[in-house]
Amino acid sequence: MREGPVRVGAVVVFGYGTAVHAYDLINYGLNAYADFPVWLGGYFTALIALDAASAVLIATRRRAGLALGSAVLVTDALANWYAVYISNPDVGTLPRIGQAVTSALAVGLVFASVRLWHSFR
């Protein structure tokens, strides 16, 4: 497995996640996730920092970035699953696709992390 493309891809994914959640906070304030339970809205808001930290740590080839990034994507996939299928099951198709993509990215990073662990410090 070539480290470079996977690392760049992960940084882009986490950069995108940072931007999306920051956009929500800037445009909608603390009520950005008012339709969800408070704990879920808090988690989605915390993803601004968690995604950014994952991006920086992976960009600098830190093992902590692989661990944090994997944990963030797995918990984000679970949070999105809860939001789409439990909290708001009539949400429509696009959020369900987003949840599936997040799940696929989580699985991909977990498997890539195992292979990349020794090339990171």
Protein backbone atom coordinates (compact mmCIF):
# COMPACT_ATOMS: atom_id res chain seq x y z
CA MET A 1 0.00 0.00 0.00
CA ARG A 2 1.37 3.39 -0.96
CA GLU A 3 1.32 5.74 1.98
CA GLY A 4 1.15 9.05 0.11
CA PRO A 5 -2.23 8.78 -1.60
CA VAL A 6 -3.89 7.29 1.48
CA ARG A 7 -2.43 9.99 3.72
CA VAL A 8 -3.48 12.79 1.36
CA GLY A 9 -6.94 11.28 0.98
CA ALA A 10 -7.38 11.08 4.75
CA VAL A 11 -6.25 14.68 5.20
CA VAL A 12 -8.75 15.79 2.55
CA VAL A 13 -11.58 13.80 4.17
CA PHE A 14 -10.88 15.26 7.61
CA GLY A 15 -10.41 18.74 6.17
CA TYR A 16 -13.80 18.43 4.50
CA GLY A 17 -15.37 17.24 7.76
CA THR A 18 -13.86 20.20 9.62
CA ALA A 19 -15.22 22.61 7.02
CA VAL A 20 -18.74 21.11 6.99
CA HIS A 21 -19.16 21.22 10.76
CA ALA A 22 -17.56 24.68 11.03
CA TYR A 23 -19.94 25.90 8.30
CA ASP A 24 -22.91 24.59 10.27
CA LEU A 25 -21.71 26.29 13.46
CA ILE A 26 -20.94 29.60 11.73
CA ASN A 27 -24.21 29.72 9.80
CA TYR A 28 -26.61 28.22 12.33
CA GLY A 29 -24.88 28.76 15.66
CA LEU A 30 -25.34 26.39 18.55
CA ASN A 31 -28.77 25.47 17.15
CA ALA A 32 -27.22 23.86 14.08
CA TYR A 33 -28.22 20.42 15.31
CA ALA A 34 -31.32 21.38 17.32
CA ASP A 35 -33.34 18.59 15.66
CA PHE A 36 -31.13 15.99 17.34
CA PRO A 37 -30.51 15.08 20.98
CA VAL A 38 -28.14 17.47 22.76
CA TRP A 39 -25.39 14.83 23.06
CA LEU A 40 -25.49 14.22 19.31
CA GLY A 41 -25.40 17.92 18.48
CA GLY A 42 -22.49 18.30 20.88
CA TYR A 43 -20.62 15.48 19.17
CA PHE A 44 -21.23 16.93 15.70
CA THR A 45 -19.95 20.31 16.91
CA ALA A 46 -16.90 18.68 18.54
CA LEU A 47 -16.05 17.17 15.15
CA ILE A 48 -14.68 20.59 14.16
CA ALA A 49 -11.74 20.03 16.51
CA LEU A 50 -11.57 16.24 16.19
CA ASP A 51 -11.51 16.28 12.38
CA ALA A 52 -8.93 19.09 12.33
CA ALA A 53 -6.69 17.27 14.83
CA SER A 54 -6.96 14.06 12.82
CA ALA A 55 -6.01 15.89 9.61
CA VAL A 56 -2.95 17.52 11.19
CA LEU A 57 -1.74 14.35 12.90
CA ILE A 58 -2.12 12.25 9.75
CA ALA A 59 -0.48 14.94 7.61
CA THR A 60 2.53 14.85 9.94
CA ARG A 61 2.57 11.03 9.89
CA ARG A 62 1.76 10.52 13.56
CA ARG A 63 0.42 7.19 14.73
CA ALA A 64 -1.91 9.11 17.03
CA GLY A 65 -3.53 10.47 13.86
CA LEU A 66 -4.28 6.98 12.60
CA ALA A 67 -5.80 6.02 15.95
CA LEU A 68 -7.74 9.27 16.41
CA GLY A 69 -8.86 9.38 12.78
CA SER A 70 -10.12 5.81 12.91
CA ALA A 71 -11.97 6.46 16.16
CA VAL A 72 -13.47 9.67 14.77
CA LEU A 73 -14.70 8.05 11.56
CA VAL A 74 -16.13 5.01 13.33
CA THR A 75 -17.96 7.13 15.91
CA ASP A 76 -19.05 9.59 13.21
CA ALA A 77 -20.52 6.71 11.18
CA LEU A 78 -22.36 5.49 14.29
CA ALA A 79 -23.58 9.02 15.12
CA ASN A 80 -24.80 9.52 11.56
CA TRP A 81 -26.50 6.12 11.66
CA TYR A 82 -28.33 7.18 14.82
CA ALA A 83 -29.26 10.55 13.30
CA VAL A 84 -30.51 9.07 10.04
CA TYR A 85 -32.18 5.85 11.15
CA ILE A 86 -33.24 6.48 14.77
CA SER A 87 -33.56 10.19 15.44
CA ASN A 88 -34.98 11.27 12.08
CA PRO A 89 -35.95 8.22 9.97
CA ASP A 90 -37.86 10.35 7.41
CA VAL A 91 -34.73 12.29 6.49
CA GLY A 92 -34.54 11.15 2.87
CA THR A 93 -31.93 9.62 0.60
CA LEU A 94 -29.00 12.06 0.65
CA PRO A 95 -28.24 11.78 4.39
CA ARG A 96 -28.43 7.98 4.10
CA ILE A 97 -25.86 8.08 1.31
CA GLY A 98 -23.66 10.32 3.44
CA GLN A 99 -23.91 7.87 6.31
CA ALA A 100 -22.95 4.98 4.02
CA VAL A 101 -19.96 6.94 2.66
CA THR A 102 -18.81 7.77 6.19
CA SER A 103 -19.10 4.09 7.13
CA ALA A 104 -17.04 3.07 4.10
CA LEU A 105 -14.39 5.67 4.92
CA ALA A 106 -14.26 4.41 8.50
CA VAL A 107 -13.69 0.82 7.41
CA GLY A 108 -11.12 1.97 4.87
CA LEU A 109 -9.12 4.00 7.38
CA VAL A 110 -9.18 1.25 10.00
CA PHE A 111 -7.73 -1.23 7.49
CA ALA A 112 -5.27 1.31 6.08
CA SER A 113 -4.11 2.20 9.59
CA VAL A 114 -3.03 -1.37 10.23
CA ARG A 115 -0.92 -1.30 7.06
CA LEU A 116 0.46 2.21 7.60
CA TRP A 117 1.24 1.94 11.32
CA HIS A 118 4.94 1.11 10.85
CA SER A 119 5.57 3.92 8.37
CA PHE A 120 4.21 6.50 10.84
CA ARG A 121 6.01 7.59 14.00
